[in-house]
Amino acid sequence: MGQNEKTPEIILEDESLFVVYKPAGMATQTRSVAEMDLETWLKNHRAAAGEEPYVGIIQRLDQPVEGVMVVAKTSEAADILTKQLRDHTLVKNYYAIITRDSLPESGVLEDYLVKDARAGRAKVVRSTDPRAKKARLVYQVVKERDHMRLVDITLETGRYHQIRVQFASRTAPLLGDVKYGGIRTGHPISLCAYRVQFQHPLTRLMEVHEIAPRGEDFVDFFAE
């Protein structure tokens, strides 16, 4: 079945949760009634099936970012998954393309961030800033091509624009992320939440769901 570029795709649905692909360009949640977001799309899906349209957003992806997400269908499942997120047992992995070839092959990035809601961006600050929140991720370069690097990222905290600002602060902005100094490509930001791992709230079995990035700038890295 063909997918409109801004149409989500349900990968798994059962009585307690969805695993869903959110396309780049769609907000996870929005206050705009004129714009379809993932939360509303899933509520409409449930209503059309004659179900109570409860949707519990556990994690969020920035509007220009694509990827796989787990979404609760009951408040009980939402509580369990939210606890897993806090305990770091709900694990999120991302692929990003960065445009600096001198960054070490692997590492841990740890910073303190402040969200500037008015400017719609985040910035790195000193740890002594009373507004600061700790941000931490682990990365590994997995491929290189034409001075660009594909990095595999395990996100340990979920701060606003965290991956984007942490790499940009090291003069390694994400490809296409103009807001943080990246090269304009005419395509969405080269960032994809490609993998999510969690313990199912009902079965207690470990679930792992993985997708291949669909963004055009990822094509060369995944064509082989």
N, C-alpha and C. Protein backbone atom coordinates (compact mmCIF):
# COMPACT_ATOMS: atom_id res chain seq x y z
N MET A 1 0.85 -1.19 0.00
CA MET A 1 0.00 0.00 0.00
C MET A 1 0.88 1.24 0.00
N GLY A 2 0.66 2.14 -0.93
CA GLY A 2 1.46 3.35 -1.00
C GLY A 2 1.13 4.29 0.13
N GLN A 3 2.15 5.00 0.61
CA GLN A 3 1.96 5.91 1.72
C GLN A 3 2.22 7.34 1.27
N ASN A 4 1.28 8.24 1.55
CA ASN A 4 1.54 9.66 1.38
C ASN A 4 2.70 10.03 2.27
N GLU A 5 3.56 10.97 1.82
CA GLU A 5 4.78 11.26 2.58
C GLU A 5 4.50 11.78 3.99
N LYS A 6 3.28 12.31 4.22
CA LYS A 6 2.95 12.78 5.56
C LYS A 6 1.88 11.94 6.22
N THR A 7 1.74 10.69 5.79
CA THR A 7 0.76 9.79 6.38
C THR A 7 1.47 8.80 7.29
N PRO A 8 1.06 8.68 8.55
CA PRO A 8 1.68 7.69 9.44
C PRO A 8 1.37 6.27 8.98
N GLU A 9 2.09 5.33 9.55
CA GLU A 9 1.87 3.92 9.24
C GLU A 9 1.88 3.14 10.54
N ILE A 10 0.83 2.37 10.79
CA ILE A 10 0.77 1.55 12.00
C ILE A 10 1.53 0.25 11.74
N ILE A 11 2.57 0.02 12.53
CA ILE A 11 3.41 -1.17 12.40
C ILE A 11 2.85 -2.30 13.24
N LEU A 12 2.35 -1.97 14.43
CA LEU A 12 1.74 -2.94 15.33
C LEU A 12 0.61 -2.27 16.09
N GLU A 13 -0.48 -3.00 16.24
CA GLU A 13 -1.58 -2.52 17.09
C GLU A 13 -2.14 -3.69 17.86
N ASP A 14 -2.24 -3.54 19.17
CA ASP A 14 -2.93 -4.54 19.98
C ASP A 14 -3.81 -3.82 20.99
N GLU A 15 -4.28 -4.50 22.01
CA GLU A 15 -5.25 -3.89 22.92
C GLU A 15 -4.65 -2.81 23.81
N SER A 16 -3.32 -2.75 23.92
CA SER A 16 -2.73 -1.79 24.85
C SER A 16 -1.85 -0.73 24.21
N LEU A 17 -1.43 -0.93 22.95
CA LEU A 17 -0.51 0.05 22.37
C LEU A 17 -0.49 0.01 20.85
N PHE A 18 0.10 1.08 20.32
CA PHE A 18 0.48 1.16 18.91
C PHE A 18 2.00 1.24 18.83
N VAL A 19 2.57 0.65 17.80
CA VAL A 19 3.91 1.02 17.33
C VAL A 19 3.67 1.64 15.96
N VAL A 20 4.10 2.87 15.77
CA VAL A 20 3.70 3.61 14.59
C VAL A 20 4.89 4.37 14.00
N TYR A 21 4.90 4.48 12.68
CA TYR A 21 5.89 5.31 11.98
C TYR A 21 5.32 6.71 11.82
N LYS A 22 6.05 7.70 12.34
CA LYS A 22 5.67 9.11 12.14
C LYS A 22 6.53 9.69 11.03
N PRO A 23 5.92 10.20 9.98
CA PRO A 23 6.70 10.78 8.89
C PRO A 23 7.24 12.16 9.24
N ALA A 24 8.33 12.53 8.62
CA ALA A 24 8.86 13.89 8.75
C ALA A 24 7.81 14.87 8.23
N GLY A 25 7.65 15.98 8.93
CA GLY A 25 6.68 17.00 8.53
C GLY A 25 5.40 16.96 9.30
N MET A 26 5.16 15.87 10.02
CA MET A 26 3.95 15.77 10.86
C MET A 26 4.35 15.97 12.32
N ALA A 27 3.62 16.83 13.02
CA ALA A 27 3.86 17.04 14.44
C ALA A 27 3.35 15.84 15.24
N THR A 28 4.00 15.55 16.36
CA THR A 28 3.49 14.52 17.26
C THR A 28 2.19 14.99 17.90
N GLN A 29 2.21 16.23 18.38
CA GLN A 29 1.02 16.89 18.93
C GLN A 29 1.08 18.35 18.50
N THR A 30 -0.07 18.98 18.29
CA THR A 30 -0.11 20.40 17.95
C THR A 30 -1.42 21.00 18.42
N ARG A 31 -1.39 22.29 18.67
CA ARG A 31 -2.61 23.00 19.05
C ARG A 31 -3.37 23.51 17.82
N SER A 32 -2.75 23.38 16.65
CA SER A 32 -3.36 23.89 15.43
C SER A 32 -4.47 22.96 14.95
N VAL A 33 -5.68 23.50 14.81
CA VAL A 33 -6.79 22.68 14.33
C VAL A 33 -6.72 22.47 12.83
N ALA A 34 -5.90 23.27 12.15
CA ALA A 34 -5.80 23.18 10.70
C ALA A 34 -4.76 22.16 10.26
N GLU A 35 -4.03 21.62 11.21
CA GLU A 35 -2.91 20.73 10.86
C GLU A 35 -3.09 19.39 11.55
N MET A 36 -3.05 18.31 10.77
CA MET A 36 -3.17 16.97 11.33
C MET A 36 -1.89 16.59 12.05
N ASP A 37 -2.03 16.10 13.27
CA ASP A 37 -0.86 15.60 14.00
C ASP A 37 -1.04 14.12 14.28
N LEU A 38 0.02 13.47 14.78
CA LEU A 38 -0.03 12.03 15.00
C LEU A 38 -1.07 11.65 16.05
N GLU A 39 -1.14 12.40 17.14
CA GLU A 39 -2.09 12.10 18.20
C GLU A 39 -3.53 12.11 17.66
N THR A 40 -3.88 13.15 16.91
CA THR A 40 -5.24 13.26 16.35
C THR A 40 -5.50 12.16 15.34
N TRP A 41 -4.50 11.85 14.51
CA TRP A 41 -4.64 10.80 13.50
C TRP A 41 -4.95 9.46 14.16
N LEU A 42 -4.26 9.16 15.25
CA LEU A 42 -4.50 7.90 15.96
C LEU A 42 -5.85 7.90 16.67
N LYS A 43 -6.25 9.06 17.22
CA LYS A 43 -7.59 9.15 17.83
C LYS A 43 -8.67 8.91 16.78
N ASN A 44 -8.50 9.48 15.60
CA ASN A 44 -9.46 9.26 14.51
C ASN A 44 -9.50 7.79 14.10
N HIS A 45 -8.34 7.16 14.06
CA HIS A 45 -8.24 5.74 13.72
C HIS A 45 -9.02 4.90 14.73
N ARG A 46 -8.88 5.21 16.01
CA ARG A 46 -9.58 4.46 17.04
C ARG A 46 -11.09 4.72 16.99
N ALA A 47 -11.46 5.96 16.76
CA ALA A 47 -12.88 6.31 16.69
C ALA A 47 -13.55 5.60 15.52
N ALA A 48 -12.83 5.53 14.39
CA ALA A 48 -13.38 4.86 13.20
C ALA A 48 -13.59 3.37 13.44
N ALA A 49 -12.80 2.80 14.36
CA ALA A 49 -12.93 1.38 14.70
C ALA A 49 -13.95 1.16 15.83
N GLY A 50 -14.60 2.24 16.26
CA GLY A 50 -15.60 2.13 17.31
C GLY A 50 -15.01 1.99 18.70
N GLU A 51 -13.76 2.42 18.86
CA GLU A 51 -13.09 2.31 20.16
C GLU A 51 -13.06 3.65 20.88
N GLU A 52 -12.87 3.58 22.18
CA GLU A 52 -12.63 4.79 22.96
C GLU A 52 -11.33 5.43 22.44
N PRO A 53 -11.38 6.69 21.99
CA PRO A 53 -10.20 7.26 21.31
C PRO A 53 -9.12 7.80 22.24
N TYR A 54 -8.79 7.01 23.28
CA TYR A 54 -7.69 7.42 24.15
C TYR A 54 -6.36 7.18 23.44
N VAL A 55 -5.46 8.15 23.50
CA VAL A 55 -4.11 8.01 22.95
C VAL A 55 -3.13 8.61 23.95
N GLY A 56 -2.20 7.80 24.43
CA GLY A 56 -1.20 8.26 25.39
C GLY A 56 0.15 8.41 24.74
N ILE A 57 0.56 9.65 24.52
CA ILE A 57 1.86 9.92 23.89
C ILE A 57 2.95 9.73 24.95
N ILE A 58 3.83 8.79 24.72
CA ILE A 58 4.90 8.45 25.66
C ILE A 58 6.18 9.23 25.32
N GLN A 59 6.47 9.31 24.05
CA GLN A 59 7.66 9.99 23.56
C GLN A 59 7.26 10.91 22.42
N ARG A 60 8.05 11.90 22.15
CA ARG A 60 7.74 12.83 21.07
C ARG A 60 8.91 12.91 20.10
N LEU A 61 8.57 13.14 18.85
CA LEU A 61 9.58 13.43 17.83
C LEU A 61 9.31 14.82 17.28
N ASP A 62 10.36 15.59 17.06
CA ASP A 62 10.21 16.91 16.45
C ASP A 62 9.48 16.78 15.11
N GLN A 63 8.75 17.81 14.75
CA GLN A 63 7.98 17.77 13.50
C GLN A 63 8.81 17.41 12.28
N PRO A 64 10.04 17.95 12.11
CA PRO A 64 10.80 17.60 10.91
C PRO A 64 11.52 16.26 10.98
N VAL A 65 11.29 15.48 12.04
CA VAL A 65 12.02 14.22 12.24
C VAL A 65 11.08 13.04 12.01
N GLU A 66 11.58 12.02 11.32
CA GLU A 66 10.80 10.80 11.07
C GLU A 66 11.19 9.72 12.07
N GLY A 67 10.32 8.72 12.21
CA GLY A 67 10.74 7.61 13.02
C GLY A 67 9.63 6.77 13.61
N VAL A 68 10.07 5.74 14.33
CA VAL A 68 9.17 4.77 14.94
C VAL A 68 8.94 5.17 16.40
N MET A 69 7.69 5.05 16.84
CA MET A 69 7.30 5.45 18.18
C MET A 69 6.35 4.41 18.78
N VAL A 70 6.35 4.32 20.11
CA VAL A 70 5.34 3.52 20.80
C VAL A 70 4.36 4.49 21.45
N VAL A 71 3.06 4.19 21.30
CA VAL A 71 1.99 5.04 21.80
C VAL A 71 1.00 4.16 22.57
N ALA A 72 0.61 4.59 23.76
CA ALA A 72 -0.28 3.78 24.59
C ALA A 72 -1.74 3.93 24.16
N LYS A 73 -2.52 2.86 24.36
CA LYS A 73 -3.95 2.88 24.09
C LYS A 73 -4.78 2.89 25.38
N THR A 74 -4.11 2.71 26.51
CA THR A 74 -4.80 2.77 27.80
C THR A 74 -3.94 3.58 28.77
N SER A 75 -4.57 4.13 29.78
CA SER A 75 -3.82 4.91 30.77
C SER A 75 -2.88 4.01 31.56
N GLU A 76 -3.27 2.75 31.76
CA GLU A 76 -2.41 1.81 32.47
C GLU A 76 -1.13 1.55 31.68
N ALA A 77 -1.28 1.32 30.37
CA ALA A 77 -0.11 1.10 29.52
C ALA A 77 0.76 2.35 29.47
N ALA A 78 0.12 3.52 29.44
CA ALA A 78 0.87 4.78 29.42
C ALA A 78 1.72 4.92 30.67
N ASP A 79 1.16 4.57 31.84
CA ASP A 79 1.91 4.68 33.09
C ASP A 79 3.12 3.75 33.08
N ILE A 80 2.93 2.52 32.61
CA ILE A 80 4.02 1.54 32.60
C ILE A 80 5.12 1.97 31.63
N LEU A 81 4.73 2.41 30.45
CA LEU A 81 5.72 2.82 29.44
C LEU A 81 6.45 4.09 29.85
N THR A 82 5.73 5.00 30.49
CA THR A 82 6.36 6.23 30.97
C THR A 82 7.40 5.91 32.03
N LYS A 83 7.10 4.96 32.91
CA LYS A 83 8.08 4.54 33.92
C LYS A 83 9.31 3.93 33.25
N GLN A 84 9.10 3.12 32.21
CA GLN A 84 10.23 2.55 31.48
C GLN A 84 11.08 3.64 30.84
N LEU A 85 10.43 4.68 30.35
CA LEU A 85 11.16 5.80 29.75
C LEU A 85 12.03 6.48 30.81
N ARG A 86 11.46 6.71 31.99
CA ARG A 86 12.22 7.33 33.09
C ARG A 86 13.37 6.44 33.55
N ASP A 87 13.14 5.11 33.54
CA ASP A 87 14.15 4.16 34.03
C ASP A 87 15.16 3.78 32.95
N HIS A 88 14.99 4.32 31.75
CA HIS A 88 15.88 4.02 30.61
C HIS A 88 15.80 2.57 30.16
N THR A 89 14.67 1.91 30.45
CA THR A 89 14.47 0.56 29.91
C THR A 89 13.66 0.61 28.61
N LEU A 90 13.05 1.75 28.33
CA LEU A 90 12.51 2.02 27.00
C LEU A 90 13.65 2.73 26.26
N VAL A 91 14.23 2.02 25.29
CA VAL A 91 15.46 2.48 24.64
C VAL A 91 15.15 2.97 23.23
N LYS A 92 15.67 4.15 22.90
CA LYS A 92 15.44 4.75 21.59
C LYS A 92 16.78 4.93 20.88
N ASN A 93 16.82 4.47 19.64
CA ASN A 93 18.02 4.64 18.81
C ASN A 93 17.70 5.46 17.58
N TYR A 94 18.64 6.29 17.19
CA TYR A 94 18.46 7.19 16.06
C TYR A 94 19.62 7.04 15.07
N TYR A 95 19.32 7.29 13.81
CA TYR A 95 20.36 7.53 12.81
C TYR A 95 20.35 9.02 12.49
N ALA A 96 21.54 9.58 12.35
CA ALA A 96 21.68 10.97 11.92
C ALA A 96 22.85 11.05 10.94
N ILE A 97 22.77 12.02 10.04
CA ILE A 97 23.90 12.31 9.16
C ILE A 97 24.50 13.63 9.62
N ILE A 98 25.78 13.60 9.97
CA ILE A 98 26.47 14.82 10.39
C ILE A 98 27.46 15.24 9.31
N THR A 99 27.81 16.50 9.33
CA THR A 99 28.64 17.05 8.25
C THR A 99 30.00 17.52 8.77
N ARG A 100 30.56 16.75 9.67
CA ARG A 100 31.93 17.01 10.13
C ARG A 100 32.67 15.69 10.17
N ASP A 101 33.77 15.56 9.43
CA ASP A 101 34.45 14.27 9.36
C ASP A 101 35.56 14.12 10.39
N SER A 102 35.80 15.15 11.22
CA SER A 102 36.87 15.05 12.21
C SER A 102 36.36 14.71 13.61
N LEU A 103 35.06 14.50 13.76
CA LEU A 103 34.52 14.10 15.06
C LEU A 103 35.01 12.68 15.38
N PRO A 104 35.36 12.39 16.62
CA PRO A 104 35.79 11.02 16.96
C PRO A 104 34.79 9.97 16.50
N GLU A 105 35.28 8.77 16.25
CA GLU A 105 34.44 7.68 15.71
C GLU A 105 33.31 7.30 16.65
N SER A 106 33.50 7.49 17.93
CA SER A 106 32.46 7.16 18.90
C SER A 106 32.66 8.03 20.13
N GLY A 107 31.64 8.10 20.94
CA GLY A 107 31.79 8.90 22.14
C GLY A 107 30.49 9.07 22.89
N VAL A 108 30.61 9.74 24.01
CA VAL A 108 29.47 10.13 24.84
C VAL A 108 29.41 11.65 24.82
N LEU A 109 28.25 12.18 24.51
CA LEU A 109 28.05 13.63 24.55
C LEU A 109 27.20 13.96 25.77
N GLU A 110 27.74 14.81 26.62
CA GLU A 110 27.03 15.19 27.84
C GLU A 110 27.08 16.71 27.97
N ASP A 111 25.92 17.32 28.06
CA ASP A 111 25.83 18.77 28.12
C ASP A 111 24.68 19.15 29.05
N TYR A 112 24.60 20.46 29.30
CA TYR A 112 23.44 21.02 30.00
C TYR A 112 22.75 21.96 29.03
N LEU A 113 21.45 21.77 28.87
CA LEU A 113 20.69 22.48 27.86
C LEU A 113 19.60 23.34 28.48
N VAL A 114 19.29 24.41 27.77
CA VAL A 114 18.16 25.27 28.12
C VAL A 114 17.31 25.42 26.87
N LYS A 115 16.01 25.30 27.04
CA LYS A 115 15.07 25.51 25.94
C LYS A 115 14.65 26.97 25.88
N ASP A 116 14.80 27.57 24.70
CA ASP A 116 14.32 28.93 24.46
C ASP A 116 13.04 28.80 23.65
N ALA A 117 11.90 28.78 24.35
CA ALA A 117 10.62 28.55 23.68
C ALA A 117 10.30 29.64 22.67
N ARG A 118 10.67 30.87 22.99
CA ARG A 118 10.36 31.98 22.09
C ARG A 118 11.09 31.84 20.76
N ALA A 119 12.35 31.41 20.82
CA ALA A 119 13.15 31.25 19.60
C ALA A 119 12.94 29.88 18.96
N GLY A 120 12.29 28.96 19.69
CA GLY A 120 12.06 27.63 19.15
C GLY A 120 13.33 26.84 18.97
N ARG A 121 14.26 26.98 19.92
CA ARG A 121 15.52 26.26 19.82
C ARG A 121 16.08 26.03 21.22
N ALA A 122 17.13 25.23 21.30
CA ALA A 122 17.81 24.96 22.56
C ALA A 122 19.24 25.43 22.46
N LYS A 123 19.88 25.59 23.61
CA LYS A 123 21.29 25.98 23.62
C LYS A 123 22.01 25.31 24.77
N VAL A 124 23.32 25.13 24.59
CA VAL A 124 24.17 24.56 25.63
C VAL A 124 24.57 25.66 26.60
N VAL A 125 24.44 25.37 27.89
CA VAL A 125 24.79 26.34 28.94
C VAL A 125 25.66 25.67 30.00
N ARG A 126 26.11 26.45 30.95
CA ARG A 126 26.88 25.90 32.07
C ARG A 126 25.97 25.09 32.99
N SER A 127 26.58 24.14 33.66
CA SER A 127 25.80 23.28 34.58
C SER A 127 25.22 24.08 35.75
N THR A 128 25.81 25.23 36.02
CA THR A 128 25.34 26.06 37.14
C THR A 128 24.11 26.90 36.79
N ASP A 129 23.73 26.93 35.53
CA ASP A 129 22.54 27.67 35.13
C ASP A 129 21.32 27.02 35.79
N PRO A 130 20.53 27.77 36.55
CA PRO A 130 19.40 27.17 37.26
C PRO A 130 18.33 26.58 36.34
N ARG A 131 18.32 26.98 35.09
CA ARG A 131 17.33 26.45 34.12
C ARG A 131 17.84 25.20 33.42
N ALA A 132 19.11 24.86 33.60
CA ALA A 132 19.75 23.82 32.81
C ALA A 132 19.22 22.42 33.13
N LYS A 133 19.13 21.61 32.07
CA LYS A 133 18.78 20.20 32.23
C LYS A 133 19.88 19.37 31.57
N LYS A 134 20.28 18.32 32.27
CA LYS A 134 21.36 17.47 31.77
C LYS A 134 20.90 16.68 30.55
N ALA A 135 21.77 16.60 29.55
CA ALA A 135 21.48 15.86 28.32
C ALA A 135 22.65 14.93 28.04
N ARG A 136 22.32 13.69 27.72
CA ARG A 136 23.38 12.70 27.50
C ARG A 136 22.97 11.74 26.38
N LEU A 137 23.90 11.46 25.50
CA LEU A 137 23.70 10.46 24.45
C LEU A 137 25.02 9.76 24.17
N VAL A 138 24.92 8.58 23.55
CA VAL A 138 26.08 7.81 23.13
C VAL A 138 25.97 7.65 21.61
N TYR A 139 27.09 7.81 20.91
CA TYR A 139 27.04 7.69 19.45
C TYR A 139 28.18 6.85 18.91
N GLN A 140 27.98 6.32 17.70
CA GLN A 140 28.98 5.53 17.00
C GLN A 140 28.86 5.82 15.51
N VAL A 141 29.95 6.19 14.87
CA VAL A 141 29.94 6.38 13.42
C VAL A 141 29.88 5.01 12.77
N VAL A 142 28.92 4.81 11.85
CA VAL A 142 28.77 3.51 11.22
C VAL A 142 29.12 3.51 9.74
N LYS A 143 29.04 4.69 9.08
CA LYS A 143 29.40 4.79 7.66
C LYS A 143 29.89 6.19 7.36
N GLU A 144 30.73 6.30 6.33
CA GLU A 144 31.20 7.61 5.87
C GLU A 144 31.02 7.70 4.36
N ARG A 145 30.69 8.91 3.91
CA ARG A 145 30.51 9.14 2.47
C ARG A 145 30.62 10.63 2.18
N ASP A 146 31.59 11.00 1.35
CA ASP A 146 31.73 12.40 0.89
C ASP A 146 31.72 13.41 2.04
N HIS A 147 32.56 13.21 3.03
CA HIS A 147 32.69 14.11 4.18
C HIS A 147 31.43 14.14 5.05
N MET A 148 30.57 13.17 4.86
CA MET A 148 29.40 13.05 5.72
C MET A 148 29.49 11.73 6.46
N ARG A 149 28.94 11.71 7.64
CA ARG A 149 29.00 10.51 8.47
C ARG A 149 27.61 10.13 8.96
N LEU A 150 27.32 8.84 8.85
CA LEU A 150 26.11 8.28 9.42
C LEU A 150 26.43 7.83 10.83
N VAL A 151 25.72 8.38 11.81
CA VAL A 151 25.97 8.01 13.20
C VAL A 151 24.76 7.31 13.80
N ASP A 152 25.05 6.32 14.62
CA ASP A 152 24.03 5.57 15.35
C ASP A 152 24.04 6.12 16.77
N ILE A 153 22.88 6.58 17.24
CA ILE A 153 22.79 7.29 18.51
C ILE A 153 21.84 6.56 19.46
N THR A 154 22.29 6.36 20.68
CA THR A 154 21.41 5.89 21.75
C THR A 154 21.13 7.08 22.65
N LEU A 155 19.88 7.44 22.73
CA LEU A 155 19.48 8.62 23.50
C LEU A 155 19.21 8.21 24.94
N GLU A 156 19.94 8.80 25.87
CA GLU A 156 19.77 8.46 27.29
C GLU A 156 18.86 9.45 28.02
N THR A 157 18.72 10.65 27.47
CA THR A 157 17.76 11.63 28.00
C THR A 157 16.97 12.17 26.80
N GLY A 158 15.83 12.75 27.06
CA GLY A 158 14.98 13.20 25.96
C GLY A 158 14.73 14.69 26.01
N ARG A 159 15.78 15.49 25.91
CA ARG A 159 15.63 16.94 25.98
C ARG A 159 15.22 17.52 24.63
N TYR A 160 14.66 18.72 24.71
CA TYR A 160 14.18 19.44 23.53
C TYR A 160 15.34 19.65 22.54
N HIS A 161 15.18 19.15 21.31
CA HIS A 161 16.17 19.30 20.24
C HIS A 161 17.54 18.75 20.64
N GLN A 162 17.56 17.79 21.55
CA GLN A 162 18.82 17.36 22.15
C GLN A 162 19.88 16.93 21.14
N ILE A 163 19.55 15.98 20.28
CA ILE A 163 20.54 15.48 19.32
C ILE A 163 21.02 16.60 18.42
N ARG A 164 20.10 17.42 17.98
CA ARG A 164 20.43 18.50 17.04
C ARG A 164 21.40 19.49 17.65
N VAL A 165 21.12 19.92 18.88
CA VAL A 165 21.96 20.96 19.49
C VAL A 165 23.27 20.38 20.02
N GLN A 166 23.27 19.14 20.49
CA GLN A 166 24.52 18.58 21.00
C GLN A 166 25.56 18.40 19.89
N PHE A 167 25.14 17.92 18.74
CA PHE A 167 26.09 17.78 17.64
C PHE A 167 26.47 19.14 17.05
N ALA A 168 25.49 20.02 16.92
CA ALA A 168 25.78 21.35 16.37
C ALA A 168 26.77 22.11 17.25
N SER A 169 26.69 21.93 18.56
CA SER A 169 27.60 22.64 19.46
C SER A 169 29.04 22.16 19.32
N ARG A 170 29.22 21.03 18.62
CA ARG A 170 30.56 20.50 18.36
C ARG A 170 30.92 20.67 16.88
N THR A 171 30.34 21.69 16.27
CA THR A 171 30.51 22.01 14.84
C THR A 171 30.29 20.78 13.96
N ALA A 172 29.29 19.98 14.33
CA ALA A 172 28.91 18.80 13.54
C ALA A 172 27.40 18.80 13.34
N PRO A 173 26.84 19.87 12.75
CA PRO A 173 25.37 19.94 12.62
C PRO A 173 24.84 18.83 11.73
N LEU A 174 23.57 18.50 11.95
CA LEU A 174 22.92 17.48 11.13
C LEU A 174 22.65 18.03 9.74
N LEU A 175 22.81 17.19 8.76
CA LEU A 175 22.54 17.57 7.38
C LEU A 175 21.08 18.01 7.23
N GLY A 176 20.88 19.19 6.68
CA GLY A 176 19.54 19.72 6.47
C GLY A 176 18.97 20.49 7.64
N ASP A 177 19.69 20.52 8.77
CA ASP A 177 19.16 21.20 9.96
C ASP A 177 19.63 22.65 9.97
N VAL A 178 18.98 23.46 9.15
CA VAL A 178 19.38 24.86 8.95
C VAL A 178 19.31 25.65 10.26
N LYS A 179 18.35 25.33 11.10
CA LYS A 179 18.18 26.05 12.37
C LYS A 179 19.44 25.99 13.23
N TYR A 180 20.18 24.90 13.13
CA TYR A 180 21.39 24.73 13.94
C TYR A 180 22.67 24.74 13.09
N GLY A 181 22.60 25.37 11.94
CA GLY A 181 23.81 25.54 11.14
C GLY A 181 24.09 24.46 10.12
N GLY A 182 23.13 23.56 9.90
CA GLY A 182 23.32 22.49 8.92
C GLY A 182 23.15 22.98 7.49
N ILE A 183 23.66 22.20 6.56
CA ILE A 183 23.57 22.53 5.13
C ILE A 183 22.14 22.32 4.64
N ARG A 184 21.60 23.30 3.95
CA ARG A 184 20.25 23.19 3.39
C ARG A 184 20.26 22.19 2.23
N THR A 185 19.36 21.23 2.26
CA THR A 185 19.30 20.21 1.20
C THR A 185 17.97 20.23 0.45
N GLY A 186 16.97 20.94 1.00
CA GLY A 186 15.64 20.88 0.41
C GLY A 186 14.85 19.67 0.89
N HIS A 187 15.45 18.87 1.76
CA HIS A 187 14.81 17.69 2.33
C HIS A 187 14.68 17.88 3.84
N PRO A 188 13.89 17.03 4.51
CA PRO A 188 13.80 17.13 5.97
C PRO A 188 15.15 16.87 6.64
N ILE A 189 15.26 17.24 7.90
CA ILE A 189 16.47 16.99 8.68
C ILE A 189 16.85 15.52 8.61
N SER A 190 18.14 15.26 8.51
CA SER A 190 18.63 13.87 8.42
C SER A 190 18.72 13.25 9.80
N LEU A 191 17.57 13.00 10.37
CA LEU A 191 17.47 12.40 11.70
C LEU A 191 16.27 11.47 11.70
N CYS A 192 16.50 10.23 12.12
CA CYS A 192 15.43 9.22 12.12
C CYS A 192 15.51 8.38 13.38
N ALA A 193 14.40 8.29 14.10
CA ALA A 193 14.29 7.37 15.23
C ALA A 193 14.01 5.99 14.63
N TYR A 194 15.07 5.19 14.46
CA TYR A 194 14.90 3.96 13.67
C TYR A 194 14.58 2.72 14.51
N ARG A 195 14.74 2.82 15.82
CA ARG A 195 14.55 1.62 16.66
C ARG A 195 13.98 2.00 18.01
N VAL A 196 13.04 1.19 18.49
CA VAL A 196 12.51 1.36 19.85
C VAL A 196 12.43 -0.01 20.50
N GLN A 197 12.85 -0.07 21.75
CA GLN A 197 12.82 -1.32 22.51
C GLN A 197 12.15 -1.06 23.85
N PHE A 198 11.23 -1.94 24.23
CA PHE A 198 10.51 -1.76 25.48
C PHE A 198 9.93 -3.10 25.92
N GLN A 199 9.53 -3.17 27.17
CA GLN A 199 8.84 -4.35 27.68
C GLN A 199 7.34 -4.14 27.52
N HIS A 200 6.69 -5.08 26.86
CA HIS A 200 5.25 -4.92 26.62
C HIS A 200 4.50 -4.85 27.94
N PRO A 201 3.60 -3.87 28.11
CA PRO A 201 2.89 -3.69 29.39
C PRO A 201 2.07 -4.89 29.83
N LEU A 202 1.55 -5.68 28.88
CA LEU A 202 0.72 -6.83 29.25
C LEU A 202 1.49 -8.13 29.25
N THR A 203 2.20 -8.44 28.17
CA THR A 203 2.87 -9.73 28.06
C THR A 203 4.18 -9.78 28.84
N ARG A 204 4.75 -8.59 29.12
CA ARG A 204 6.06 -8.46 29.79
C ARG A 204 7.21 -8.97 28.92
N LEU A 205 6.92 -9.27 27.67
CA LEU A 205 7.97 -9.68 26.74
C LEU A 205 8.68 -8.45 26.18
N MET A 206 9.97 -8.61 25.85
CA MET A 206 10.72 -7.51 25.27
C MET A 206 10.33 -7.35 23.80
N GLU A 207 9.95 -6.13 23.43
CA GLU A 207 9.57 -5.81 22.06
C GLU A 207 10.67 -4.95 21.44
N VAL A 208 11.07 -5.28 20.22
CA VAL A 208 12.03 -4.46 19.48
C VAL A 208 11.45 -4.22 18.09
N HIS A 209 11.34 -2.95 17.72
CA HIS A 209 10.81 -2.59 16.41
C HIS A 209 11.79 -1.64 15.74
N GLU A 210 12.11 -1.96 14.49
CA GLU A 210 13.14 -1.22 13.78
C GLU A 210 12.68 -0.94 12.35
N ILE A 211 13.02 0.25 11.85
CA ILE A 211 12.67 0.64 10.48
C ILE A 211 13.92 1.15 9.78
N ALA A 212 13.86 1.23 8.48
CA ALA A 212 14.91 1.88 7.70
C ALA A 212 14.49 3.33 7.46
N PRO A 213 15.41 4.28 7.58
CA PRO A 213 15.05 5.68 7.31
C PRO A 213 14.51 5.84 5.90
N ARG A 214 13.53 6.72 5.74
CA ARG A 214 12.93 6.97 4.44
C ARG A 214 13.32 8.32 3.85
N GLY A 215 13.99 9.15 4.64
CA GLY A 215 14.42 10.46 4.16
C GLY A 215 15.37 10.35 2.98
N GLU A 216 15.23 11.28 2.04
CA GLU A 216 16.00 11.19 0.78
C GLU A 216 17.50 11.27 1.00
N ASP A 217 17.95 12.01 2.01
CA ASP A 217 19.39 12.13 2.23
C ASP A 217 20.00 10.87 2.83
N PHE A 218 19.17 9.96 3.31
CA PHE A 218 19.67 8.69 3.83
C PHE A 218 19.88 7.65 2.73
N VAL A 219 19.33 7.88 1.55
CA VAL A 219 19.28 6.86 0.50
C VAL A 219 20.65 6.29 0.19
N ASP A 220 21.65 7.14 -0.02
CA ASP A 220 22.97 6.67 -0.40
C ASP A 220 23.60 5.78 0.67
N PHE A 221 23.29 6.05 1.93
CA PHE A 221 23.87 5.25 3.01
C PHE A 221 23.21 3.88 3.13
N PHE A 222 21.97 3.76 2.69
CA PHE A 222 21.23 2.51 2.88
C PHE A 222 20.96 1.79 1.56
N ALA A 223 21.55 2.25 0.47
CA ALA A 223 21.31 1.64 -0.84
C ALA A 223 22.10 0.36 -1.01
N GLU A 224 23.16 0.19 -0.26
CA GLU A 224 24.04 -0.98 -0.45
C GLU A 224 23.44 -2.22 0.17
